[in-house]
């Protein structure tokens, strides 16, 4: 309670609204972990409603900054805490990536290069993946993700159908009838959030890809197919 109090108070004195977003995000992922625990279930509508508040706050944050373009999920070598995940949203699309000293968990924005540093909406979900698999994605590679995530998604009752295709620097993920479908559709109503960080499911996969590949990752496109499946294009950037 004390940590959350400090975070919310901090949001009043900082130009950006990220601390408040983090507080809401912790609430959302607490509910999520209850939903995905076999012995404890909550209504999925509650999960979506809680997450929507967090995503709306990201939209508000991005609307009040000078950043443009897509967020870049930073690889471990760009992070002060290599076990974490951070999305860097530059002020200019061609700005360089920040050095590790710029990306500690207490910094809300980067001065050189200019931009903001967001906690990804899919961070806790990606950590849940690591916990269930018993390893950090920093110790794996892309073939490992291709092999393990499909079965894991089924075990966690996220979906029974997940495919991951890697071609050059493009990773295509297709998910059918997943529990985040409605939440992803809500994210599409928030254009800046959709462009910068993606929905929580896309974000969680981007966190895993950045760690496993060791490269910066962007979410290029999320598409809802007529058959109800979601197709997500991630791009691995050269660093």
C-alpha atoms as a PDB file:
ATOM      1  CA  UNK A   1       0.000   0.000   0.000  1.00  0.00           C
ATOM      2  CA  UNK A   2       2.856   2.357   0.838  1.00  0.00           C
ATOM      3  CA  UNK A   3       4.505   1.756  -2.565  1.00  0.00           C
ATOM      4  CA  UNK A   4       1.284   2.457  -4.406  1.00  0.00           C
ATOM      5  CA  UNK A   5       0.739   5.619  -2.356  1.00  0.00           C
ATOM      6  CA  UNK A   6       4.188   6.912  -3.265  1.00  0.00           C
ATOM      7  CA  UNK A   7       3.629   6.137  -6.932  1.00  0.00           C
ATOM      8  CA  UNK A   8       0.323   7.957  -7.114  1.00  0.00           C
ATOM      9  CA  UNK A   9       1.661  10.969  -5.236  1.00  0.00           C
ATOM     10  CA  UNK A  10       4.613  11.106  -7.597  1.00  0.00           C
ATOM     11  CA  UNK A  11       2.302  11.413 -10.565  1.00  0.00           C
ATOM     12  CA  UNK A  12       1.123  14.782  -9.297  1.00  0.00           C
ATOM     13  CA  UNK A  13       4.605  16.293  -9.426  1.00  0.00           C
ATOM     14  CA  UNK A  14       5.860  14.880 -12.725  1.00  0.00           C
ATOM     15  CA  UNK A  15       4.864  16.152 -16.144  1.00  0.00           C
ATOM     16  CA  UNK A  16       4.164  12.655 -17.411  1.00  0.00           C
ATOM     17  CA  UNK A  17       1.468  10.432 -15.954  1.00  0.00           C
ATOM     18  CA  UNK A  18       3.506   7.234 -15.911  1.00  0.00           C
ATOM     19  CA  UNK A  19       3.558   6.595 -12.136  1.00  0.00           C
ATOM     20  CA  UNK A  20      -0.245   6.565 -12.036  1.00  0.00           C
ATOM     21  CA  UNK A  21      -0.257   4.226 -15.013  1.00  0.00           C
ATOM     22  CA  UNK A  22       2.108   1.846 -13.215  1.00  0.00           C
ATOM     23  CA  UNK A  23      -0.206   1.773 -10.199  1.00  0.00           C
ATOM     24  CA  UNK A  24      -3.158   0.858 -12.373  1.00  0.00           C
ATOM     25  CA  UNK A  25      -1.049  -1.671 -14.218  1.00  0.00           C
ATOM     26  CA  UNK A  26      -0.147  -3.461 -11.001  1.00  0.00           C
ATOM     27  CA  UNK A  27      -3.828  -3.722 -10.146  1.00  0.00           C
ATOM     28  CA  UNK A  28      -4.630  -5.125 -13.572  1.00  0.00           C
ATOM     29  CA  UNK A  29      -1.907  -7.758 -13.508  1.00  0.00           C
ATOM     30  CA  UNK A  30      -2.834  -8.775  -9.984  1.00  0.00           C
ATOM     31  CA  UNK A  31      -6.282  -9.572 -11.312  1.00  0.00           C
ATOM     32  CA  UNK A  32      -4.748 -11.331 -14.314  1.00  0.00           C
ATOM     33  CA  UNK A  33      -2.663 -13.641 -12.155  1.00  0.00           C
ATOM     34  CA  UNK A  34      -5.786 -14.607 -10.242  1.00  0.00           C
ATOM     35  CA  UNK A  35      -7.547 -15.365 -13.514  1.00  0.00           C
ATOM     36  CA  UNK A  36      -4.720 -17.598 -14.742  1.00  0.00           C
ATOM     37  CA  UNK A  37      -4.320 -19.519 -11.472  1.00  0.00           C
ATOM     38  CA  UNK A  38      -6.169 -22.878 -11.767  1.00  0.00           C
ATOM     39  CA  UNK A  39      -7.777 -22.665  -8.323  1.00  0.00           C
ATOM     40  CA  UNK A  40      -8.841 -19.011  -8.479  1.00  0.00           C
ATOM     41  CA  UNK A  41     -10.952 -17.381 -11.180  1.00  0.00           C
ATOM     42  CA  UNK A  42     -12.373 -13.925 -11.718  1.00  0.00           C
ATOM     43  CA  UNK A  43     -14.815 -12.741 -14.331  1.00  0.00           C
ATOM     44  CA  UNK A  44     -13.018 -11.941 -17.580  1.00  0.00           C
ATOM     45  CA  UNK A  45     -15.109  -8.764 -17.908  1.00  0.00           C
ATOM     46  CA  UNK A  46     -13.481  -7.516 -14.684  1.00  0.00           C
ATOM     47  CA  UNK A  47     -10.049  -8.233 -16.120  1.00  0.00           C
ATOM     48  CA  UNK A  48     -10.827  -6.299 -19.305  1.00  0.00           C
ATOM     49  CA  UNK A  49     -12.360  -3.362 -17.436  1.00  0.00           C
ATOM     50  CA  UNK A  50      -9.312  -3.022 -15.175  1.00  0.00           C
ATOM     51  CA  UNK A  51      -6.889  -3.260 -18.082  1.00  0.00           C
ATOM     52  CA  UNK A  52      -8.826  -0.678 -20.099  1.00  0.00           C
ATOM     53  CA  UNK A  53      -8.138   1.934 -17.416  1.00  0.00           C
ATOM     54  CA  UNK A  54      -4.397   1.273 -17.620  1.00  0.00           C
ATOM     55  CA  UNK A  55      -4.383   1.468 -21.407  1.00  0.00           C
ATOM     56  CA  UNK A  56      -6.411   4.690 -21.362  1.00  0.00           C
ATOM     57  CA  UNK A  57      -3.811   6.213 -19.053  1.00  0.00           C
ATOM     58  CA  UNK A  58      -1.048   5.276 -21.499  1.00  0.00           C
ATOM     59  CA  UNK A  59      -3.040   7.034 -24.212  1.00  0.00           C
ATOM     60  CA  UNK A  60      -3.326  10.120 -22.021  1.00  0.00           C
ATOM     61  CA  UNK A  61       0.408  10.051 -21.297  1.00  0.00           C
ATOM     62  CA  UNK A  62       1.348   9.778 -24.967  1.00  0.00           C
ATOM     63  CA  UNK A  63      -1.092  12.521 -25.935  1.00  0.00           C
ATOM     64  CA  UNK A  64       0.658  14.906 -23.545  1.00  0.00           C
ATOM     65  CA  UNK A  65       4.203  14.286 -24.782  1.00  0.00           C
ATOM     66  CA  UNK A  66       6.153  15.204 -27.889  1.00  0.00           C
ATOM     67  CA  UNK A  67       6.967  11.622 -28.801  1.00  0.00           C
ATOM     68  CA  UNK A  68       6.129  10.212 -32.208  1.00  0.00           C
ATOM     69  CA  UNK A  69       6.116   6.843 -33.864  1.00  0.00           C
ATOM     70  CA  UNK A  70       6.452   3.314 -32.577  1.00  0.00           C
ATOM     71  CA  UNK A  71       7.763   2.270 -29.226  1.00  0.00           C
ATOM     72  CA  UNK A  72      10.924   0.182 -29.185  1.00  0.00           C
ATOM     73  CA  UNK A  73      11.134  -2.747 -26.778  1.00  0.00           C
ATOM     74  CA  UNK A  74      14.716  -2.551 -25.549  1.00  0.00           C
ATOM     75  CA  UNK A  75      16.955  -5.641 -25.412  1.00  0.00           C
ATOM     76  CA  UNK A  76      18.705  -6.641 -22.150  1.00  0.00           C
ATOM     77  CA  UNK A  77      22.013  -4.972 -23.078  1.00  0.00           C
ATOM     78  CA  UNK A  78      20.205  -1.610 -23.196  1.00  0.00           C
ATOM     79  CA  UNK A  79      18.725  -2.009 -19.708  1.00  0.00           C
ATOM     80  CA  UNK A  80      20.230  -1.291 -16.334  1.00  0.00           C
ATOM     81  CA  UNK A  81      18.144  -4.204 -15.033  1.00  0.00           C
ATOM     82  CA  UNK A  82      18.505  -6.803 -17.785  1.00  0.00           C
ATOM     83  CA  UNK A  83      15.748  -8.956 -16.284  1.00  0.00           C
ATOM     84  CA  UNK A  84      13.135  -6.235 -16.817  1.00  0.00           C
ATOM     85  CA  UNK A  85      11.556  -4.814 -19.973  1.00  0.00           C
ATOM     86  CA  UNK A  86      11.139  -1.198 -21.047  1.00  0.00           C
ATOM     87  CA  UNK A  87       9.579   0.456 -24.085  1.00  0.00           C
ATOM     88  CA  UNK A  88      11.436   3.514 -25.330  1.00  0.00           C
ATOM     89  CA  UNK A  89       9.305   5.971 -27.319  1.00  0.00           C
ATOM     90  CA  UNK A  90      11.605   8.524 -28.995  1.00  0.00           C
ATOM     91  CA  UNK A  91      10.728  12.119 -29.721  1.00  0.00           C
ATOM     92  CA  UNK A  92      12.027  11.577 -33.241  1.00  0.00           C
ATOM     93  CA  UNK A  93      11.814   8.329 -35.161  1.00  0.00           C
ATOM     94  CA  UNK A  94      15.511   8.321 -36.116  1.00  0.00           C
ATOM     95  CA  UNK A  95      16.871   9.045 -32.627  1.00  0.00           C
ATOM     96  CA  UNK A  96      19.417   6.537 -31.232  1.00  0.00           C
ATOM     97  CA  UNK A  97      18.504   4.157 -28.431  1.00  0.00           C
ATOM     98  CA  UNK A  98      19.256   5.116 -24.825  1.00  0.00           C
ATOM     99  CA  UNK A  99      22.247   3.694 -22.959  1.00  0.00           C
ATOM    100  CA  UNK A 100      21.688   1.466 -19.881  1.00  0.00           C
ATOM    101  CA  UNK A 101      22.266   4.323 -17.428  1.00  0.00           C
ATOM    102  CA  UNK A 102      19.244   6.092 -18.939  1.00  0.00           C
ATOM    103  CA  UNK A 103      16.906   3.146 -18.388  1.00  0.00           C
ATOM    104  CA  UNK A 104      16.818   2.520 -14.657  1.00  0.00           C
ATOM    105  CA  UNK A 105      13.384   1.870 -13.197  1.00  0.00           C
ATOM    106  CA  UNK A 106      13.175   5.299 -11.520  1.00  0.00           C
ATOM    107  CA  UNK A 107      13.540   7.348 -14.715  1.00  0.00           C
ATOM    108  CA  UNK A 108      10.348   8.397 -16.460  1.00  0.00           C
ATOM    109  CA  UNK A 109      11.947  10.005 -19.471  1.00  0.00           C
ATOM    110  CA  UNK A 110      15.256  10.043 -21.288  1.00  0.00           C
ATOM    111  CA  UNK A 111      17.052  13.313 -21.914  1.00  0.00           C
ATOM    112  CA  UNK A 112      19.694  12.067 -24.342  1.00  0.00           C
ATOM    113  CA  UNK A 113      18.208  10.814 -26.572  1.00  0.00           C
ATOM    114  CA  UNK A 114      14.888  12.489 -25.889  1.00  0.00           C
ATOM    115  CA  UNK A 115      11.864  10.301 -25.279  1.00  0.00           C
ATOM    116  CA  UNK A 116       9.879   8.512 -22.603  1.00  0.00           C
ATOM    117  CA  UNK A 117      10.427   5.155 -20.955  1.00  0.00           C
ATOM    118  CA  UNK A 118       7.283   3.123 -20.332  1.00  0.00           C
ATOM    119  CA  UNK A 119       6.692  -0.051 -18.405  1.00  0.00           C
ATOM    120  CA  UNK A 120       5.207  -2.343 -21.095  1.00  0.00           C
ATOM    121  CA  UNK A 121       1.572  -3.335 -20.565  1.00  0.00           C
ATOM    122  CA  UNK A 122       2.642  -6.952 -21.162  1.00  0.00           C
ATOM    123  CA  UNK A 123       5.592  -7.030 -18.741  1.00  0.00           C
ATOM    124  CA  UNK A 124       3.943  -8.992 -15.931  1.00  0.00           C
ATOM    125  CA  UNK A 125       2.418 -11.451 -18.389  1.00  0.00           C
ATOM    126  CA  UNK A 126       5.837 -12.122 -19.925  1.00  0.00           C
ATOM    127  CA  UNK A 127       7.231 -12.652 -16.428  1.00  0.00           C
ATOM    128  CA  UNK A 128       4.454 -15.148 -15.787  1.00  0.00           C
ATOM    129  CA  UNK A 129       5.591 -17.001 -18.918  1.00  0.00           C
ATOM    130  CA  UNK A 130       9.145 -17.097 -17.554  1.00  0.00           C
ATOM    131  CA  UNK A 131       7.964 -18.334 -14.179  1.00  0.00           C
ATOM    132  CA  UNK A 132       5.922 -21.134 -15.693  1.00  0.00           C
ATOM    133  CA  UNK A 133       8.782 -22.157 -17.995  1.00  0.00           C
ATOM    134  CA  UNK A 134      11.326 -21.945 -15.188  1.00  0.00           C
ATOM    135  CA  UNK A 135      13.780 -19.766 -17.080  1.00  0.00           C
ATOM    136  CA  UNK A 136      14.445 -16.176 -18.081  1.00  0.00           C
ATOM    137  CA  UNK A 137      13.978 -15.408 -21.761  1.00  0.00           C
ATOM    138  CA  UNK A 138      17.424 -13.767 -21.672  1.00  0.00           C
ATOM    139  CA  UNK A 139      18.827 -17.306 -21.428  1.00  0.00           C
ATOM    140  CA  UNK A 140      16.896 -18.600 -24.453  1.00  0.00           C
ATOM    141  CA  UNK A 141      16.611 -17.912 -28.187  1.00  0.00           C
ATOM    142  CA  UNK A 142      13.918 -17.602 -30.862  1.00  0.00           C
ATOM    143  CA  UNK A 143      13.694 -21.374 -31.597  1.00  0.00           C
ATOM    144  CA  UNK A 144      13.019 -21.893 -27.884  1.00  0.00           C
ATOM    145  CA  UNK A 145      10.068 -19.475 -28.004  1.00  0.00           C
ATOM    146  CA  UNK A 146       8.697 -21.180 -31.098  1.00  0.00           C
ATOM    147  CA  UNK A 147       8.861 -24.531 -29.356  1.00  0.00           C
ATOM    148  CA  UNK A 148       7.621 -23.634 -25.874  1.00  0.00           C
ATOM    149  CA  UNK A 149       5.090 -20.801 -26.117  1.00  0.00           C
ATOM    150  CA  UNK A 150       2.408 -22.741 -27.981  1.00  0.00           C
ATOM    151  CA  UNK A 151       2.118 -25.392 -25.258  1.00  0.00           C
ATOM    152  CA  UNK A 152       2.398 -22.758 -22.521  1.00  0.00           C
ATOM    153  CA  UNK A 153      -0.465 -20.700 -23.967  1.00  0.00           C
ATOM    154  CA  UNK A 154      -2.619 -23.802 -23.947  1.00  0.00           C
ATOM    155  CA  UNK A 155      -1.674 -24.688 -20.359  1.00  0.00           C
ATOM    156  CA  UNK A 156      -2.528 -21.152 -19.207  1.00  0.00           C
ATOM    157  CA  UNK A 157      -5.819 -21.333 -21.130  1.00  0.00           C
ATOM    158  CA  UNK A 158      -4.929 -18.266 -23.180  1.00  0.00           C
ATOM    159  CA  UNK A 159      -5.554 -20.117 -26.442  1.00  0.00           C
ATOM    160  CA  UNK A 160      -5.328 -23.591 -27.927  1.00  0.00           C
ATOM    161  CA  UNK A 161      -3.831 -22.327 -31.170  1.00  0.00           C
ATOM    162  CA  UNK A 162      -0.644 -20.273 -31.344  1.00  0.00           C
ATOM    163  CA  UNK A 163       1.878 -20.212 -34.174  1.00  0.00           C
ATOM    164  CA  UNK A 164       5.159 -18.294 -34.400  1.00  0.00           C
ATOM    165  CA  UNK A 165       6.949 -17.895 -37.727  1.00  0.00           C
ATOM    166  CA  UNK A 166      10.389 -16.274 -38.012  1.00  0.00           C
ATOM    167  CA  UNK A 167      11.574 -14.976 -41.386  1.00  0.00           C
ATOM    168  CA  UNK A 168      14.649 -12.773 -41.486  1.00  0.00           C
ATOM    169  CA  UNK A 169      13.869  -9.948 -39.018  1.00  0.00           C
ATOM    170  CA  UNK A 170      10.089 -10.424 -39.000  1.00  0.00           C
ATOM    171  CA  UNK A 171       8.292 -12.549 -36.404  1.00  0.00           C
ATOM    172  CA  UNK A 172       4.665 -13.343 -37.234  1.00  0.00           C
ATOM    173  CA  UNK A 173       2.477 -14.539 -34.379  1.00  0.00           C
ATOM    174  CA  UNK A 174      -1.029 -15.854 -35.014  1.00  0.00           C
ATOM    175  CA  UNK A 175      -3.397 -16.554 -32.131  1.00  0.00           C
ATOM    176  CA  UNK A 176      -6.891 -18.016 -32.434  1.00  0.00           C
ATOM    177  CA  UNK A 177      -9.742 -17.529 -29.943  1.00  0.00           C
ATOM    178  CA  UNK A 178      -7.567 -16.081 -27.199  1.00  0.00           C
ATOM    179  CA  UNK A 179      -8.836 -14.603 -23.940  1.00  0.00           C
ATOM    180  CA  UNK A 180      -7.389 -11.162 -24.745  1.00  0.00           C
ATOM    181  CA  UNK A 181      -9.459 -10.712 -27.907  1.00  0.00           C
ATOM    182  CA  UNK A 182     -11.820  -8.083 -26.469  1.00  0.00           C
ATOM    183  CA  UNK A 183      -8.958  -6.252 -24.765  1.00  0.00           C
ATOM    184  CA  UNK A 184      -6.990  -6.098 -28.010  1.00  0.00           C
ATOM    185  CA  UNK A 185     -10.046  -4.691 -29.768  1.00  0.00           C
ATOM    186  CA  UNK A 186     -10.344  -2.019 -27.067  1.00  0.00           C
ATOM    187  CA  UNK A 187      -6.675  -1.120 -27.542  1.00  0.00           C
ATOM    188  CA  UNK A 188      -7.334  -0.435 -31.234  1.00  0.00           C
ATOM    189  CA  UNK A 189      -9.611   2.419 -30.129  1.00  0.00           C
ATOM    190  CA  UNK A 190      -6.556   4.100 -28.553  1.00  0.00           C
ATOM    191  CA  UNK A 191      -4.455   5.013 -31.616  1.00  0.00           C
ATOM    192  CA  UNK A 192      -1.340   6.286 -29.850  1.00  0.00           C
ATOM    193  CA  UNK A 193      -1.237   3.320 -27.477  1.00  0.00           C
ATOM    194  CA  UNK A 194      -1.828   0.886 -30.323  1.00  0.00           C
ATOM    195  CA  UNK A 195       0.959   2.447 -32.376  1.00  0.00           C
ATOM    196  CA  UNK A 196       3.472   2.767 -29.557  1.00  0.00           C
ATOM    197  CA  UNK A 197       3.145  -0.312 -27.333  1.00  0.00           C
ATOM    198  CA  UNK A 198       0.396  -2.586 -28.721  1.00  0.00           C
ATOM    199  CA  UNK A 199      -2.187  -4.498 -26.717  1.00  0.00           C
ATOM    200  CA  UNK A 200      -1.114  -6.467 -23.605  1.00  0.00           C
ATOM    201  CA  UNK A 201      -0.804  -9.740 -25.526  1.00  0.00           C
ATOM    202  CA  UNK A 202       1.355  -8.247 -28.303  1.00  0.00           C
ATOM    203  CA  UNK A 203       3.361  -6.414 -25.656  1.00  0.00           C
ATOM    204  CA  UNK A 204       4.069  -9.587 -23.660  1.00  0.00           C
ATOM    205  CA  UNK A 205       5.316 -11.360 -26.776  1.00  0.00           C
ATOM    206  CA  UNK A 206       7.465  -8.331 -27.687  1.00  0.00           C
ATOM    207  CA  UNK A 207       9.059  -8.430 -24.218  1.00  0.00           C
ATOM    208  CA  UNK A 208       9.905 -12.105 -24.730  1.00  0.00           C
ATOM    209  CA  UNK A 209      11.265 -11.510 -28.236  1.00  0.00           C
ATOM    210  CA  UNK A 210      13.542  -8.651 -27.148  1.00  0.00           C
ATOM    211  CA  UNK A 211      15.050 -10.818 -24.419  1.00  0.00           C
ATOM    212  CA  UNK A 212      15.396 -13.985 -26.491  1.00  0.00           C
ATOM    213  CA  UNK A 213      16.777 -12.306 -29.620  1.00  0.00           C
ATOM    214  CA  UNK A 214      18.903  -9.682 -27.875  1.00  0.00           C
ATOM    215  CA  UNK A 215      17.580  -7.124 -30.365  1.00  0.00           C
ATOM    216  CA  UNK A 216      15.262  -4.100 -30.142  1.00  0.00           C
ATOM    217  CA  UNK A 217      11.693  -5.011 -31.124  1.00  0.00           C
ATOM    218  CA  UNK A 218       8.793  -3.032 -32.528  1.00  0.00           C
ATOM    219  CA  UNK A 219       5.200  -4.115 -33.021  1.00  0.00           C
ATOM    220  CA  UNK A 220       4.621  -3.347 -36.676  1.00  0.00           C
ATOM    221  CA  UNK A 221       0.997  -4.344 -37.040  1.00  0.00           C
ATOM    222  CA  UNK A 222      -1.879  -6.121 -35.306  1.00  0.00           C
ATOM    223  CA  UNK A 223      -4.609  -7.537 -37.539  1.00  0.00           C
ATOM    224  CA  UNK A 224      -7.925  -9.111 -36.659  1.00  0.00           C
ATOM    225  CA  UNK A 225      -8.795 -11.761 -39.247  1.00  0.00           C
ATOM    226  CA  UNK A 226     -12.309 -12.675 -40.356  1.00  0.00           C
ATOM    227  CA  UNK A 227     -12.014 -16.071 -38.646  1.00  0.00           C
ATOM    228  CA  UNK A 228     -11.496 -14.360 -35.281  1.00  0.00           C
ATOM    229  CA  UNK A 229      -7.751 -14.948 -35.081  1.00  0.00           C
ATOM    230  CA  UNK A 230      -5.245 -12.200 -34.317  1.00  0.00           C
ATOM    231  CA  UNK A 231      -2.120 -11.801 -36.451  1.00  0.00           C
ATOM    232  CA  UNK A 232       0.763  -9.782 -35.000  1.00  0.00           C
ATOM    233  CA  UNK A 233       3.868  -8.689 -36.871  1.00  0.00           C
ATOM    234  CA  UNK A 234       6.943  -7.960 -34.749  1.00  0.00           C
ATOM    235  CA  UNK A 235      10.136  -6.581 -36.271  1.00  0.00           C
ATOM    236  CA  UNK A 236      13.613  -7.218 -34.897  1.00  0.00           C
ATOM    237  CA  UNK A 237      15.841  -4.172 -35.339  1.00  0.00           C
ATOM    238  CA  UNK A 238      19.592  -4.008 -35.653  1.00  0.00           C
ATOM    239  CA  UNK A 239      21.303  -2.415 -32.668  1.00  0.00           C
END
